Amino acid sequence: MTELVCQSMNAIIKFEIQVTTMLQHTYAEIEHDLIYKTGNVLPEKIQRQINRTSTELVGLDDEFEQIMNDIDNHIKSTYQKVDKNELDVPIDSPSLR
């Protein structure tokens, strides 16, 4: 989280912006509904399920980030090869551009 300050002629306003992935947001919403809203201490078995699911979502988040990086690298590599007139490129969207 980052705290930002916005200053206008009349006032100084402090605010924060939370940047999360879709999976982090999804987990936060589920946790809020399942745990916070109930106001109850959950049985250990259910808490373990929630913790396990949270860990799995973190892993999926990492996987999606890696996939996005791999796609970016593929596109850059393909563009470089095409620019050099190399023919050893797959026929896909980046190479056809």
Protein backbone atom coordinates (compact mmCIF):
# COMPACT_ATOMS: atom_id res chain seq x y z
CA MET A 1 0.00 0.00 0.00
CA THR A 2 1.11 3.50 -0.74
CA GLU A 3 -0.13 6.58 0.99
CA LEU A 4 -0.55 9.51 -1.34
CA VAL A 5 -1.25 13.12 -0.55
CA CYS A 6 -3.42 15.30 -2.73
CA GLN A 7 -3.20 19.01 -2.06
CA SER A 8 -5.70 21.48 -3.40
CA MET A 9 -6.15 25.16 -2.72
CA ASN A 10 -8.45 24.48 0.24
CA ALA A 11 -7.34 21.22 1.83
CA ILE A 12 -4.83 18.42 2.03
CA ILE A 13 -6.35 15.00 1.53
CA LYS A 14 -4.51 11.82 2.44
CA PHE A 15 -5.55 8.59 0.78
CA GLU A 16 -4.17 5.21 -0.10
CA ILE A 17 -4.35 3.12 -3.21
CA GLN A 18 -4.34 -0.64 -2.93
CA VAL A 19 -3.09 -2.43 -6.00
CA THR A 20 -4.02 -6.10 -6.03
CA THR A 21 -4.36 -8.82 -8.58
CA MET A 22 -7.78 -10.21 -9.42
CA LEU A 23 -7.04 -13.34 -7.39
CA GLN A 24 -5.95 -11.31 -4.36
CA HIS A 25 -9.14 -9.28 -4.63
CA THR A 26 -11.22 -12.43 -4.97
CA TYR A 27 -9.65 -13.96 -1.89
CA ALA A 28 -10.15 -10.76 0.11
CA GLU A 29 -13.82 -10.69 -0.83
CA ILE A 30 -14.33 -14.33 0.09
CA GLU A 31 -12.45 -13.95 3.36
CA HIS A 32 -14.47 -10.85 4.20
CA ASP A 33 -17.76 -12.69 3.61
CA LEU A 34 -16.74 -15.96 5.28
CA ILE A 35 -14.76 -14.74 8.25
CA TYR A 36 -15.16 -11.05 8.96
CA LYS A 37 -18.92 -10.77 8.43
CA THR A 38 -19.71 -13.83 10.51
CA GLY A 39 -17.81 -12.43 13.47
CA ASN A 40 -17.26 -15.99 14.65
CA VAL A 41 -14.15 -17.94 15.33
CA LEU A 42 -14.23 -20.74 12.82
CA PRO A 43 -13.46 -24.37 13.58
CA GLU A 44 -9.84 -25.35 12.99
CA LYS A 45 -10.76 -27.60 10.05
CA ILE A 46 -12.49 -24.75 8.22
CA GLN A 47 -9.67 -22.33 9.03
CA ARG A 48 -7.18 -24.83 7.56
CA GLN A 49 -9.32 -25.03 4.40
CA ILE A 50 -9.28 -21.25 4.12
CA ASN A 51 -5.51 -21.13 4.68
CA ARG A 52 -4.91 -23.87 2.11
CA THR A 53 -7.10 -22.10 -0.44
CA SER A 54 -5.27 -18.84 0.19
CA THR A 55 -1.94 -20.57 -0.42
CA GLU A 56 -3.27 -22.11 -3.64
CA LEU A 57 -4.45 -18.69 -4.85
CA VAL A 58 -1.00 -17.22 -4.19
CA GLY A 59 0.49 -20.03 -6.28
CA LEU A 60 -2.00 -19.40 -9.09
CA ASP A 61 -1.26 -15.69 -8.92
CA ASP A 62 2.45 -16.44 -9.36
CA GLU A 63 1.66 -18.78 -12.28
CA PHE A 64 -0.42 -16.13 -14.06
CA GLU A 65 2.33 -13.56 -13.56
CA GLN A 66 4.86 -15.98 -15.06
CA ILE A 67 2.53 -16.70 -17.99
CA MET A 68 2.17 -12.97 -18.66
CA ASN A 69 5.96 -12.56 -18.57
CA ASP A 70 6.38 -15.53 -20.91
CA ILE A 71 3.88 -14.04 -23.37
CA ASP A 72 5.67 -10.67 -23.29
CA ASN A 73 9.03 -12.36 -23.85
CA HIS A 74 7.60 -14.42 -26.72
CA ILE A 75 6.21 -11.33 -28.41
CA LYS A 76 9.48 -9.39 -28.02
CA SER A 77 11.54 -12.32 -29.26
CA THR A 78 9.25 -12.85 -32.25
CA TYR A 79 9.37 -9.17 -33.20
CA GLN A 80 13.17 -9.19 -32.99
CA LYS A 81 13.40 -12.28 -35.20
CA VAL A 82 10.98 -10.89 -37.76
CA ASP A 83 12.88 -7.58 -37.83
CA LYS A 84 16.05 -9.56 -38.61
CA ASN A 85 14.19 -11.52 -41.33
CA GLU A 86 14.69 -14.77 -39.47
CA LEU A 87 12.26 -17.43 -40.62
CA ASP A 88 12.44 -19.62 -37.53
CA VAL A 89 9.33 -18.18 -35.89
CA PRO A 90 5.98 -19.77 -35.18
CA ILE A 91 3.00 -18.59 -37.15
CA ASP A 92 0.96 -16.78 -34.52
CA SER A 93 -0.40 -13.32 -33.81
CA PRO A 94 2.94 -11.61 -33.09
CA SER A 95 4.66 -13.00 -36.18
CA LEU A 96 1.76 -12.15 -38.44
CA ARG A 97 1.82 -8.50 -37.37
